[in-house]
């Protein structure tokens, strides 16, 4: 998926500045797409040049003027065409932490434990942000009421997916921490497990006569 599709999905919420979009990518869009501010601004310039979005300048007294972007009719048509396309294959997991965990039995369990604990802390903070966003969307309504009456349900469904993902990260991390703690206790304070034994070297073979 191209970054522009995620940008257009974000602009379905209404016009926004590049700064607003960058913040949105760190919150409401972070559950399905990520981008740096630099990537975002470059893409906005390209999309404006292609007529997919339009910008209007808002003058500010004590701050630099800002540009607010919105989808054009061509942009809306691009969104409709994109939605009609079959999605690509699910994203494969490429997580360095999982590589470290895979190697934990021959490394420093304490270092791996620290990395896992940081992942749990990160996921917990992210889940809390998602839950605050959920509260704002529901605005005192039950989930059933919201889904029955809201103008759009797509953002809420993607939010539920992001929340489920972070809850699973927390569950997995807590399980991993319990296992690592038991292993550390069993192997001593150093936190190292026994390394797999290398095959014994074969005795040199005497040269054969000719």
N, C-alpha and C. Protein backbone atom coordinates (compact mmCIF):
# COMPACT_ATOMS: atom_id res chain seq x y z
N UNK A 1 0.85 -1.19 0.00
CA UNK A 1 0.00 0.00 0.00
C UNK A 1 0.88 1.23 0.00
N UNK A 2 0.49 2.23 -0.79
CA UNK A 2 1.24 3.48 -0.85
C UNK A 2 0.84 4.39 0.30
N UNK A 3 1.79 5.23 0.72
CA UNK A 3 1.54 6.18 1.80
C UNK A 3 0.35 7.08 1.47
N UNK A 4 0.21 7.44 0.20
CA UNK A 4 -0.87 8.36 -0.16
C UNK A 4 -2.25 7.80 0.17
N UNK A 5 -2.41 6.49 0.11
CA UNK A 5 -3.71 5.92 0.45
C UNK A 5 -4.03 6.12 1.93
N UNK A 6 -3.01 5.99 2.79
CA UNK A 6 -3.22 6.25 4.21
C UNK A 6 -3.50 7.73 4.45
N UNK A 7 -2.83 8.62 3.70
CA UNK A 7 -3.08 10.06 3.82
C UNK A 7 -4.52 10.38 3.43
N UNK A 8 -4.96 9.82 2.32
CA UNK A 8 -6.33 10.09 1.88
C UNK A 8 -7.34 9.53 2.87
N UNK A 9 -7.03 8.37 3.46
CA UNK A 9 -7.92 7.82 4.47
C UNK A 9 -8.02 8.75 5.67
N UNK A 10 -6.89 9.35 6.06
CA UNK A 10 -6.90 10.29 7.19
C UNK A 10 -7.68 11.55 6.84
N UNK A 11 -7.59 12.02 5.60
CA UNK A 11 -8.28 13.25 5.20
C UNK A 11 -9.78 13.06 5.03
N UNK A 12 -10.24 11.82 5.06
CA UNK A 12 -11.69 11.60 5.05
C UNK A 12 -12.33 12.17 6.32
N UNK A 13 -11.51 12.36 7.36
CA UNK A 13 -12.02 12.96 8.60
C UNK A 13 -12.24 14.46 8.46
N UNK A 14 -11.71 15.06 7.41
CA UNK A 14 -11.84 16.50 7.23
C UNK A 14 -10.48 17.12 6.95
N UNK A 15 -10.47 18.41 6.60
CA UNK A 15 -9.21 19.05 6.25
C UNK A 15 -8.27 19.10 7.46
N UNK A 16 -7.00 19.08 7.16
CA UNK A 16 -6.01 19.05 8.22
C UNK A 16 -4.70 19.61 7.71
N UNK A 17 -3.92 20.17 8.60
CA UNK A 17 -2.58 20.64 8.25
C UNK A 17 -1.62 19.46 8.24
N UNK A 18 -0.43 19.69 7.71
CA UNK A 18 0.57 18.64 7.76
C UNK A 18 0.89 18.25 9.19
N UNK A 19 0.93 19.24 10.07
CA UNK A 19 1.20 18.96 11.49
C UNK A 19 0.09 18.11 12.09
N UNK A 20 -1.16 18.45 11.77
CA UNK A 20 -2.29 17.66 12.29
C UNK A 20 -2.22 16.22 11.78
N UNK A 21 -1.86 16.06 10.51
CA UNK A 21 -1.77 14.71 9.95
C UNK A 21 -0.64 13.92 10.61
N UNK A 22 0.48 14.60 10.88
CA UNK A 22 1.59 13.92 11.54
C UNK A 22 1.17 13.44 12.92
N UNK A 23 0.43 14.27 13.64
CA UNK A 23 -0.07 13.84 14.95
C UNK A 23 -1.07 12.70 14.80
N UNK A 24 -1.90 12.78 13.79
CA UNK A 24 -2.89 11.73 13.57
C UNK A 24 -2.24 10.41 13.24
N UNK A 25 -1.13 10.47 12.47
CA UNK A 25 -0.43 9.25 12.14
C UNK A 25 0.19 8.63 13.39
N UNK A 26 0.43 9.45 14.41
CA UNK A 26 0.98 8.92 15.66
C UNK A 26 -0.12 8.46 16.60
N UNK A 27 -1.36 8.65 16.22
CA UNK A 27 -2.48 8.26 17.10
C UNK A 27 -3.48 7.42 16.32
N UNK A 28 -4.44 8.06 15.68
CA UNK A 28 -5.54 7.31 15.08
C UNK A 28 -5.13 6.46 13.89
N UNK A 29 -4.09 6.85 13.16
CA UNK A 29 -3.68 6.07 11.99
C UNK A 29 -2.56 5.10 12.33
N UNK A 30 -1.97 5.26 13.52
CA UNK A 30 -0.84 4.43 13.90
C UNK A 30 -1.21 2.96 14.04
N UNK A 31 -2.50 2.67 14.15
CA UNK A 31 -2.89 1.27 14.30
C UNK A 31 -2.88 0.52 12.97
N UNK A 32 -2.64 1.24 11.85
CA UNK A 32 -2.51 0.50 10.59
C UNK A 32 -1.46 1.06 9.65
N UNK A 33 -0.86 2.20 9.95
CA UNK A 33 0.17 2.74 9.07
C UNK A 33 1.05 3.71 9.83
N UNK A 34 2.32 3.76 9.47
CA UNK A 34 3.24 4.70 10.11
C UNK A 34 4.01 5.46 9.04
N UNK A 35 4.40 6.68 9.37
CA UNK A 35 5.20 7.50 8.47
C UNK A 35 5.87 8.59 9.29
N UNK A 36 7.05 8.98 8.87
CA UNK A 36 7.73 10.09 9.53
C UNK A 36 7.14 11.40 9.01
N UNK A 37 7.27 12.50 9.77
CA UNK A 37 6.79 13.80 9.26
C UNK A 37 7.41 14.16 7.92
N UNK A 38 8.70 13.86 7.73
CA UNK A 38 9.37 14.19 6.47
C UNK A 38 8.72 13.44 5.30
N UNK A 39 8.45 12.15 5.50
CA UNK A 39 7.78 11.37 4.45
C UNK A 39 6.40 11.93 4.16
N UNK A 40 5.72 12.33 5.21
CA UNK A 40 4.36 12.84 5.07
C UNK A 40 4.33 14.13 4.27
N UNK A 41 5.22 15.08 4.60
CA UNK A 41 5.23 16.36 3.90
C UNK A 41 5.61 16.19 2.43
N UNK A 42 6.55 15.30 2.15
CA UNK A 42 6.91 15.05 0.75
C UNK A 42 5.72 14.49 -0.03
N UNK A 43 5.00 13.56 0.62
CA UNK A 43 3.85 12.96 -0.06
C UNK A 43 2.74 13.98 -0.27
N UNK A 44 2.53 14.86 0.69
CA UNK A 44 1.51 15.91 0.53
C UNK A 44 1.83 16.80 -0.67
N UNK A 45 3.10 17.16 -0.84
CA UNK A 45 3.49 17.99 -1.98
C UNK A 45 3.21 17.26 -3.29
N UNK A 46 3.55 15.96 -3.34
CA UNK A 46 3.30 15.20 -4.56
C UNK A 46 1.81 15.09 -4.85
N UNK A 47 1.02 14.83 -3.81
CA UNK A 47 -0.42 14.66 -4.00
C UNK A 47 -1.07 15.96 -4.43
N UNK A 48 -0.59 17.08 -3.89
CA UNK A 48 -1.14 18.37 -4.31
C UNK A 48 -0.80 18.62 -5.78
N UNK A 49 0.43 18.28 -6.18
CA UNK A 49 0.83 18.45 -7.57
C UNK A 49 0.01 17.60 -8.52
N UNK A 50 -0.47 16.45 -8.05
CA UNK A 50 -1.26 15.55 -8.89
C UNK A 50 -2.76 15.85 -8.80
N UNK A 51 -3.14 16.84 -8.01
CA UNK A 51 -4.54 17.23 -7.92
C UNK A 51 -5.39 16.35 -7.04
N UNK A 52 -4.77 15.50 -6.22
CA UNK A 52 -5.55 14.64 -5.33
C UNK A 52 -6.01 15.36 -4.08
N UNK A 53 -5.26 16.38 -3.69
CA UNK A 53 -5.63 17.20 -2.54
C UNK A 53 -5.45 18.67 -2.91
N UNK A 54 -6.14 19.52 -2.18
CA UNK A 54 -6.01 20.96 -2.36
C UNK A 54 -5.65 21.56 -1.01
N UNK A 55 -4.97 22.70 -1.06
CA UNK A 55 -4.54 23.36 0.18
C UNK A 55 -5.06 24.79 0.19
N UNK A 56 -5.46 25.23 1.37
CA UNK A 56 -5.79 26.65 1.56
C UNK A 56 -4.93 27.18 2.70
N UNK A 57 -4.52 28.42 2.55
CA UNK A 57 -3.62 29.03 3.53
C UNK A 57 -4.45 29.73 4.60
N UNK A 58 -4.12 29.44 5.84
CA UNK A 58 -4.76 30.09 6.98
C UNK A 58 -3.73 31.00 7.64
N UNK A 59 -4.03 32.30 7.66
CA UNK A 59 -3.10 33.25 8.26
C UNK A 59 -3.23 33.23 9.78
N UNK A 60 -2.10 33.30 10.45
CA UNK A 60 -2.06 33.31 11.91
C UNK A 60 -1.23 34.50 12.38
N UNK A 61 -1.69 35.16 13.43
CA UNK A 61 -1.04 36.40 13.86
C UNK A 61 0.34 36.17 14.44
N UNK A 62 0.46 35.27 15.38
CA UNK A 62 1.72 35.11 16.09
C UNK A 62 2.45 33.82 15.71
N UNK A 63 1.95 33.14 14.73
CA UNK A 63 2.58 31.93 14.26
C UNK A 63 2.68 31.97 12.74
N UNK A 64 3.55 31.17 12.17
CA UNK A 64 3.61 31.12 10.70
C UNK A 64 2.26 30.66 10.13
N UNK A 65 1.96 31.17 8.94
CA UNK A 65 0.74 30.73 8.28
C UNK A 65 0.80 29.22 8.05
N UNK A 66 -0.35 28.58 8.07
CA UNK A 66 -0.37 27.14 7.86
C UNK A 66 -1.28 26.80 6.69
N UNK A 67 -1.01 25.65 6.08
CA UNK A 67 -1.82 25.17 4.98
C UNK A 67 -2.69 24.02 5.46
N UNK A 68 -3.97 24.10 5.14
CA UNK A 68 -4.91 23.04 5.47
C UNK A 68 -5.24 22.27 4.19
N UNK A 69 -5.06 20.96 4.25
CA UNK A 69 -5.27 20.11 3.09
C UNK A 69 -6.64 19.43 3.16
N UNK A 70 -7.22 19.25 2.00
CA UNK A 70 -8.49 18.51 1.90
C UNK A 70 -8.48 17.72 0.60
N UNK A 71 -9.31 16.68 0.56
CA UNK A 71 -9.41 15.87 -0.64
C UNK A 71 -10.17 16.61 -1.73
N UNK A 72 -9.69 16.50 -2.94
CA UNK A 72 -10.43 17.01 -4.10
C UNK A 72 -11.37 15.91 -4.59
N UNK A 73 -12.18 16.24 -5.58
CA UNK A 73 -13.04 15.21 -6.16
C UNK A 73 -12.19 14.10 -6.77
N UNK A 74 -11.05 14.48 -7.37
CA UNK A 74 -10.15 13.46 -7.92
C UNK A 74 -9.59 12.59 -6.81
N UNK A 75 -9.33 13.21 -5.65
CA UNK A 75 -8.85 12.43 -4.51
C UNK A 75 -9.90 11.45 -4.02
N UNK A 76 -11.15 11.89 -3.96
CA UNK A 76 -12.23 11.00 -3.54
C UNK A 76 -12.39 9.83 -4.52
N UNK A 77 -12.25 10.14 -5.82
CA UNK A 77 -12.33 9.07 -6.81
C UNK A 77 -11.18 8.08 -6.63
N UNK A 78 -10.00 8.60 -6.28
CA UNK A 78 -8.86 7.73 -6.05
C UNK A 78 -9.10 6.83 -4.83
N UNK A 79 -9.75 7.39 -3.81
CA UNK A 79 -10.08 6.58 -2.63
C UNK A 79 -11.05 5.47 -3.03
N UNK A 80 -12.08 5.81 -3.79
CA UNK A 80 -13.06 4.81 -4.19
C UNK A 80 -12.40 3.71 -5.02
N UNK A 81 -11.50 4.10 -5.93
CA UNK A 81 -10.82 3.11 -6.75
C UNK A 81 -9.92 2.23 -5.90
N UNK A 82 -9.26 2.82 -4.93
CA UNK A 82 -8.37 2.05 -4.06
C UNK A 82 -9.16 1.04 -3.24
N UNK A 83 -10.30 1.46 -2.69
CA UNK A 83 -11.11 0.56 -1.86
C UNK A 83 -11.59 -0.63 -2.68
N UNK A 84 -11.84 -0.41 -3.96
CA UNK A 84 -12.35 -1.49 -4.81
C UNK A 84 -11.28 -2.52 -5.15
N UNK A 85 -10.01 -2.16 -4.99
CA UNK A 85 -8.93 -3.09 -5.31
C UNK A 85 -8.81 -4.16 -4.23
N UNK A 86 -8.44 -5.38 -4.61
CA UNK A 86 -8.19 -6.41 -3.58
C UNK A 86 -6.96 -6.02 -2.77
N UNK A 87 -6.98 -6.26 -1.47
CA UNK A 87 -5.81 -5.91 -0.66
C UNK A 87 -4.65 -6.83 -0.96
N UNK A 88 -3.45 -6.35 -0.67
CA UNK A 88 -2.27 -7.18 -0.84
C UNK A 88 -2.18 -8.22 0.26
N UNK A 89 -1.11 -8.99 0.23
CA UNK A 89 -0.91 -9.99 1.26
C UNK A 89 -0.72 -9.33 2.62
N UNK A 90 -1.14 -10.01 3.69
CA UNK A 90 -0.91 -9.44 5.02
C UNK A 90 0.58 -9.18 5.24
N UNK A 91 0.85 -8.11 5.97
CA UNK A 91 2.23 -7.73 6.23
C UNK A 91 2.94 -8.80 7.04
N UNK A 92 4.11 -9.20 6.60
CA UNK A 92 4.89 -10.18 7.35
C UNK A 92 5.54 -9.51 8.56
N UNK A 93 5.66 -10.25 9.63
CA UNK A 93 6.28 -9.71 10.84
C UNK A 93 7.78 -9.64 10.65
N UNK A 94 8.34 -8.46 10.89
CA UNK A 94 9.78 -8.27 10.90
C UNK A 94 10.11 -7.50 12.17
N UNK A 95 10.34 -8.23 13.23
CA UNK A 95 10.47 -7.63 14.55
C UNK A 95 11.81 -8.05 15.16
N UNK A 96 12.71 -7.10 15.33
CA UNK A 96 14.04 -7.43 15.86
C UNK A 96 13.96 -8.03 17.26
N UNK A 97 12.98 -7.60 18.04
CA UNK A 97 12.85 -8.17 19.38
C UNK A 97 12.64 -9.67 19.30
N UNK A 98 11.85 -10.13 18.33
CA UNK A 98 11.60 -11.57 18.21
C UNK A 98 12.89 -12.32 17.87
N UNK A 99 13.77 -11.69 17.09
CA UNK A 99 15.05 -12.32 16.78
C UNK A 99 15.88 -12.46 18.05
N UNK A 100 15.89 -11.41 18.89
CA UNK A 100 16.64 -11.48 20.14
C UNK A 100 16.06 -12.55 21.07
N UNK A 101 14.73 -12.62 21.13
CA UNK A 101 14.11 -13.64 21.97
C UNK A 101 14.46 -15.03 21.46
N UNK A 102 14.47 -15.20 20.15
CA UNK A 102 14.83 -16.48 19.55
C UNK A 102 16.24 -16.91 19.97
N UNK A 103 17.13 -15.93 20.17
CA UNK A 103 18.53 -16.22 20.53
C UNK A 103 18.77 -16.16 22.04
N UNK A 104 17.72 -15.99 22.83
CA UNK A 104 17.90 -15.75 24.27
C UNK A 104 18.61 -16.89 24.99
N UNK A 105 18.47 -18.11 24.52
CA UNK A 105 19.03 -19.25 25.22
C UNK A 105 20.55 -19.31 25.16
N UNK A 106 21.14 -18.55 24.26
CA UNK A 106 22.60 -18.53 24.18
C UNK A 106 23.15 -17.14 24.46
N UNK A 107 22.29 -16.26 25.00
CA UNK A 107 22.71 -14.89 25.25
C UNK A 107 22.43 -14.46 26.67
N UNK A 108 22.28 -13.17 26.84
CA UNK A 108 22.07 -12.56 28.14
C UNK A 108 20.57 -12.44 28.38
N UNK A 109 20.02 -13.31 29.23
CA UNK A 109 18.57 -13.27 29.50
C UNK A 109 18.16 -11.95 30.12
N UNK A 110 19.05 -11.36 30.92
CA UNK A 110 18.71 -10.09 31.54
C UNK A 110 18.48 -9.00 30.50
N UNK A 111 19.33 -8.97 29.46
CA UNK A 111 19.17 -7.97 28.40
C UNK A 111 17.89 -8.21 27.63
N UNK A 112 17.58 -9.49 27.37
CA UNK A 112 16.35 -9.81 26.66
C UNK A 112 15.14 -9.43 27.52
N UNK A 113 15.23 -9.69 28.81
CA UNK A 113 14.13 -9.34 29.71
C UNK A 113 13.86 -7.84 29.68
N UNK A 114 14.93 -7.04 29.69
CA UNK A 114 14.77 -5.59 29.63
C UNK A 114 14.07 -5.17 28.35
N UNK A 115 14.46 -5.77 27.23
CA UNK A 115 13.84 -5.43 25.95
C UNK A 115 12.36 -5.80 25.93
N UNK A 116 12.03 -6.97 26.48
CA UNK A 116 10.62 -7.40 26.52
C UNK A 116 9.82 -6.47 27.43
N UNK A 117 10.38 -6.12 28.58
CA UNK A 117 9.69 -5.22 29.51
C UNK A 117 9.43 -3.86 28.87
N UNK A 118 10.39 -3.37 28.08
CA UNK A 118 10.19 -2.10 27.38
C UNK A 118 9.08 -2.22 26.36
N UNK A 119 8.98 -3.38 25.68
CA UNK A 119 7.91 -3.58 24.71
C UNK A 119 6.55 -3.58 25.41
N UNK A 120 6.47 -4.21 26.58
CA UNK A 120 5.21 -4.22 27.33
C UNK A 120 4.84 -2.80 27.74
N UNK A 121 5.82 -2.05 28.20
CA UNK A 121 5.56 -0.65 28.61
C UNK A 121 5.08 0.18 27.43
N UNK A 122 5.72 0.00 26.28
CA UNK A 122 5.33 0.72 25.06
C UNK A 122 3.90 0.36 24.66
N UNK A 123 3.59 -0.94 24.65
CA UNK A 123 2.27 -1.39 24.25
C UNK A 123 1.20 -0.90 25.21
N UNK A 124 1.52 -0.86 26.50
CA UNK A 124 0.56 -0.38 27.51
C UNK A 124 0.25 1.09 27.29
N UNK A 125 1.28 1.89 27.00
CA UNK A 125 1.06 3.32 26.76
C UNK A 125 0.25 3.53 25.47
N UNK A 126 0.55 2.74 24.46
CA UNK A 126 -0.17 2.87 23.20
C UNK A 126 -1.62 2.47 23.36
N UNK A 127 -1.86 1.39 24.10
CA UNK A 127 -3.24 0.96 24.35
C UNK A 127 -4.00 2.04 25.11
N UNK A 128 -3.35 2.70 26.06
CA UNK A 128 -4.02 3.77 26.81
C UNK A 128 -4.42 4.91 25.88
N UNK A 129 -3.56 5.24 24.90
CA UNK A 129 -3.91 6.30 23.94
C UNK A 129 -5.11 5.87 23.10
N UNK A 130 -5.11 4.62 22.67
CA UNK A 130 -6.23 4.12 21.88
C UNK A 130 -7.52 4.13 22.69
N UNK A 131 -7.44 3.78 23.96
CA UNK A 131 -8.63 3.77 24.81
C UNK A 131 -9.18 5.18 25.02
N UNK A 132 -8.28 6.16 25.13
CA UNK A 132 -8.75 7.55 25.23
C UNK A 132 -9.44 7.99 23.94
N UNK A 133 -8.89 7.57 22.80
CA UNK A 133 -9.52 7.89 21.52
C UNK A 133 -10.88 7.21 21.43
N UNK A 134 -10.99 5.99 21.91
CA UNK A 134 -12.27 5.28 21.91
C UNK A 134 -13.30 6.04 22.75
N UNK A 135 -12.89 6.53 23.90
CA UNK A 135 -13.82 7.29 24.75
C UNK A 135 -14.32 8.54 24.03
N UNK A 136 -13.40 9.21 23.31
CA UNK A 136 -13.81 10.42 22.59
C UNK A 136 -14.79 10.08 21.48
N UNK A 137 -14.56 8.98 20.77
CA UNK A 137 -15.46 8.60 19.70
C UNK A 137 -16.83 8.21 20.23
N UNK A 138 -16.87 7.44 21.30
CA UNK A 138 -18.15 7.00 21.85
C UNK A 138 -18.91 8.16 22.48
N UNK A 139 -18.19 9.05 23.14
CA UNK A 139 -18.80 10.26 23.72
C UNK A 139 -20.02 9.92 24.57
N UNK A 140 -19.87 8.95 25.46
CA UNK A 140 -20.95 8.58 26.37
C UNK A 140 -21.91 7.55 25.84
N UNK A 141 -21.79 7.19 24.56
CA UNK A 141 -22.69 6.20 23.98
C UNK A 141 -22.11 4.79 24.17
N UNK A 142 -22.98 3.81 24.12
CA UNK A 142 -22.49 2.43 24.10
C UNK A 142 -21.90 2.16 22.72
N UNK A 143 -21.13 1.10 22.64
CA UNK A 143 -20.54 0.75 21.35
C UNK A 143 -21.63 0.43 20.33
N UNK A 144 -22.66 -0.29 20.76
CA UNK A 144 -23.75 -0.63 19.83
C UNK A 144 -24.44 0.63 19.33
N UNK A 145 -24.67 1.60 20.21
CA UNK A 145 -25.31 2.84 19.80
C UNK A 145 -24.45 3.58 18.79
N UNK A 146 -23.15 3.63 19.08
CA UNK A 146 -22.24 4.34 18.17
C UNK A 146 -22.24 3.69 16.79
N UNK A 147 -22.08 2.37 16.75
CA UNK A 147 -21.98 1.68 15.47
C UNK A 147 -23.28 1.73 14.68
N UNK A 148 -24.42 1.89 15.38
CA UNK A 148 -25.71 1.97 14.69
C UNK A 148 -25.96 3.36 14.11
N UNK A 149 -25.37 4.40 14.73
CA UNK A 149 -25.73 5.77 14.35
C UNK A 149 -24.59 6.59 13.77
N UNK A 150 -23.36 6.16 13.94
CA UNK A 150 -22.24 6.97 13.47
C UNK A 150 -22.25 7.09 11.96
N UNK A 151 -21.80 8.23 11.46
CA UNK A 151 -21.75 8.43 10.02
C UNK A 151 -20.76 7.48 9.37
N UNK A 152 -19.64 7.21 10.07
CA UNK A 152 -18.61 6.31 9.55
C UNK A 152 -18.19 5.33 10.65
N UNK A 153 -18.04 4.07 10.28
CA UNK A 153 -17.61 3.06 11.26
C UNK A 153 -16.20 2.57 11.00
N UNK A 154 -15.63 2.91 9.83
CA UNK A 154 -14.29 2.45 9.49
C UNK A 154 -13.24 2.82 10.53
N UNK A 155 -13.16 4.10 10.94
CA UNK A 155 -12.14 4.47 11.93
C UNK A 155 -12.30 3.70 13.24
N UNK A 156 -13.53 3.40 13.64
CA UNK A 156 -13.72 2.68 14.89
C UNK A 156 -13.27 1.23 14.75
N UNK A 157 -13.53 0.63 13.60
CA UNK A 157 -13.12 -0.76 13.40
C UNK A 157 -11.61 -0.89 13.36
N UNK A 158 -10.92 0.05 12.71
CA UNK A 158 -9.46 0.00 12.71
C UNK A 158 -8.91 0.25 14.11
N UNK A 159 -9.60 1.10 14.87
CA UNK A 159 -9.18 1.34 16.25
C UNK A 159 -9.29 0.06 17.08
N UNK A 160 -10.38 -0.69 16.91
CA UNK A 160 -10.53 -1.95 17.63
C UNK A 160 -9.41 -2.92 17.28
N UNK A 161 -9.01 -2.93 16.00
CA UNK A 161 -7.91 -3.81 15.59
C UNK A 161 -6.60 -3.40 16.28
N UNK A 162 -6.34 -2.10 16.33
CA UNK A 162 -5.13 -1.64 16.99
C UNK A 162 -5.14 -1.97 18.47
N UNK A 163 -6.27 -1.83 19.13
CA UNK A 163 -6.38 -2.15 20.55
C UNK A 163 -6.14 -3.64 20.79
N UNK A 164 -6.71 -4.48 19.92
CA UNK A 164 -6.52 -5.92 20.07
C UNK A 164 -5.05 -6.30 19.88
N UNK A 165 -4.39 -5.64 18.94
CA UNK A 165 -2.98 -5.91 18.68
C UNK A 165 -2.12 -5.58 19.90
N UNK A 166 -2.36 -4.41 20.51
CA UNK A 166 -1.56 -4.02 21.66
C UNK A 166 -1.88 -4.88 22.88
N UNK A 167 -3.12 -5.28 23.04
CA UNK A 167 -3.46 -6.18 24.16
C UNK A 167 -2.74 -7.52 24.00
N UNK A 168 -2.63 -8.01 22.77
CA UNK A 168 -1.91 -9.25 22.54
C UNK A 168 -0.42 -9.06 22.80
N UNK A 169 0.13 -7.92 22.42
CA UNK A 169 1.53 -7.63 22.73
C UNK A 169 1.77 -7.67 24.23
N UNK A 170 0.85 -7.12 25.00
CA UNK A 170 0.99 -7.11 26.46
C UNK A 170 0.89 -8.53 27.01
N UNK A 171 -0.09 -9.30 26.53
CA UNK A 171 -0.25 -10.68 27.01
C UNK A 171 1.00 -11.51 26.71
N UNK A 172 1.48 -11.40 25.48
CA UNK A 172 2.68 -12.15 25.12
C UNK A 172 3.87 -11.71 25.97
N UNK A 173 4.04 -10.40 26.13
CA UNK A 173 5.17 -9.88 26.89
C UNK A 173 5.15 -10.34 28.34
N UNK A 174 3.98 -10.33 28.95
CA UNK A 174 3.87 -10.77 30.34
C UNK A 174 4.20 -12.26 30.47
N UNK A 175 3.77 -13.06 29.49
CA UNK A 175 4.12 -14.48 29.49
C UNK A 175 5.62 -14.66 29.34
N UNK A 176 6.22 -13.93 28.40
CA UNK A 176 7.66 -14.03 28.19
C UNK A 176 8.44 -13.63 29.43
N UNK A 177 7.98 -12.58 30.12
CA UNK A 177 8.68 -12.15 31.33
C UNK A 177 8.62 -13.21 32.42
N UNK A 178 7.47 -13.87 32.57
CA UNK A 178 7.37 -14.93 33.57
C UNK A 178 8.32 -16.08 33.25
N UNK A 179 8.39 -16.45 31.99
CA UNK A 179 9.28 -17.55 31.60
C UNK A 179 10.73 -17.16 31.83
N UNK A 180 11.10 -15.96 31.43
CA UNK A 180 12.48 -15.50 31.60
C UNK A 180 12.84 -15.43 33.08
N UNK A 181 11.92 -14.95 33.91
CA UNK A 181 12.20 -14.86 35.34
C UNK A 181 12.45 -16.25 35.94
N UNK A 182 11.65 -17.22 35.53
CA UNK A 182 11.87 -18.58 36.02
C UNK A 182 13.22 -19.13 35.57
N UNK A 183 13.57 -18.87 34.33
CA UNK A 183 14.85 -19.34 33.81
C UNK A 183 16.01 -18.66 34.52
N UNK A 184 15.87 -17.36 34.78
CA UNK A 184 16.94 -16.63 35.45
C UNK A 184 17.14 -17.18 36.85
N UNK A 185 16.04 -17.46 37.55
CA UNK A 185 16.14 -18.03 38.90
C UNK A 185 16.82 -19.39 38.88
N UNK A 186 16.50 -20.17 37.88
CA UNK A 186 17.05 -21.53 37.80
C UNK A 186 18.52 -21.54 37.42
N UNK A 187 18.96 -20.53 36.65
CA UNK A 187 20.33 -20.56 36.15
C UNK A 187 21.27 -19.65 36.93
N UNK A 188 20.74 -18.93 37.94
CA UNK A 188 21.60 -18.06 38.74
C UNK A 188 21.49 -16.62 38.33
N UNK A 189 22.15 -15.76 39.08
CA UNK A 189 22.00 -14.32 38.91
C UNK A 189 22.52 -13.83 37.57
N UNK A 190 23.43 -14.57 36.95
CA UNK A 190 24.01 -14.09 35.71
C UNK A 190 23.03 -14.05 34.56
N UNK A 191 21.99 -14.89 34.62
CA UNK A 191 20.97 -14.86 33.57
C UNK A 191 21.38 -15.56 32.30
N UNK A 192 22.45 -16.33 32.32
CA UNK A 192 22.84 -17.06 31.12
C UNK A 192 22.40 -18.50 31.24
N UNK A 193 21.90 -19.05 30.18
CA UNK A 193 21.62 -20.48 30.14
C UNK A 193 22.80 -21.18 29.51
N UNK A 194 22.82 -22.49 29.65
CA UNK A 194 23.91 -23.24 29.04
C UNK A 194 23.82 -23.12 27.53
N UNK A 195 24.95 -22.85 26.92
CA UNK A 195 24.98 -22.76 25.46
C UNK A 195 24.84 -24.15 24.88
N UNK A 196 24.21 -24.26 23.72
CA UNK A 196 24.14 -25.57 23.08
C UNK A 196 25.53 -26.12 22.86
N UNK A 197 25.70 -27.38 23.12
CA UNK A 197 27.02 -27.98 22.99
C UNK A 197 27.36 -28.17 21.51
N UNK A 198 28.56 -27.76 21.16
CA UNK A 198 29.01 -27.98 19.79
C UNK A 198 29.37 -29.44 19.62
N UNK A 199 29.18 -30.01 18.47
CA UNK A 199 29.57 -31.40 18.25
C UNK A 199 31.05 -31.59 18.55
N UNK A 200 31.38 -32.71 19.18
CA UNK A 200 32.79 -32.99 19.49
C UNK A 200 33.58 -33.12 18.21
N UNK A 201 34.78 -32.55 18.25
CA UNK A 201 35.63 -32.62 17.06
C UNK A 201 36.08 -34.05 16.83
N UNK A 202 36.06 -34.48 15.62
CA UNK A 202 36.49 -35.84 15.30
C UNK A 202 38.00 -35.94 15.40
N UNK A 203 38.48 -37.08 15.86
CA UNK A 203 39.93 -37.28 15.91
C UNK A 203 40.48 -37.28 14.51
N UNK A 204 41.68 -36.70 14.33
CA UNK A 204 42.24 -36.67 12.98
C UNK A 204 42.45 -38.07 12.44
N UNK A 205 42.16 -38.22 11.21
CA UNK A 205 42.28 -39.53 10.57
C UNK A 205 43.71 -39.72 10.07
N UNK A 206 44.27 -40.86 10.42
CA UNK A 206 45.65 -41.14 9.96
C UNK A 206 45.67 -41.24 8.46
N UNK A 207 46.70 -40.70 7.85
CA UNK A 207 46.77 -40.79 6.38
C UNK A 207 46.85 -42.24 5.94
N UNK A 208 46.19 -42.53 4.89
CA UNK A 208 46.20 -43.90 4.36
C UNK A 208 47.35 -44.05 3.39
N UNK A 209 47.85 -45.25 3.36
CA UNK A 209 48.93 -45.51 2.41
C UNK A 209 48.39 -45.68 1.01
N UNK A 210 49.25 -45.50 0.08
CA UNK A 210 48.84 -45.63 -1.32
C UNK A 210 49.30 -46.98 -1.82
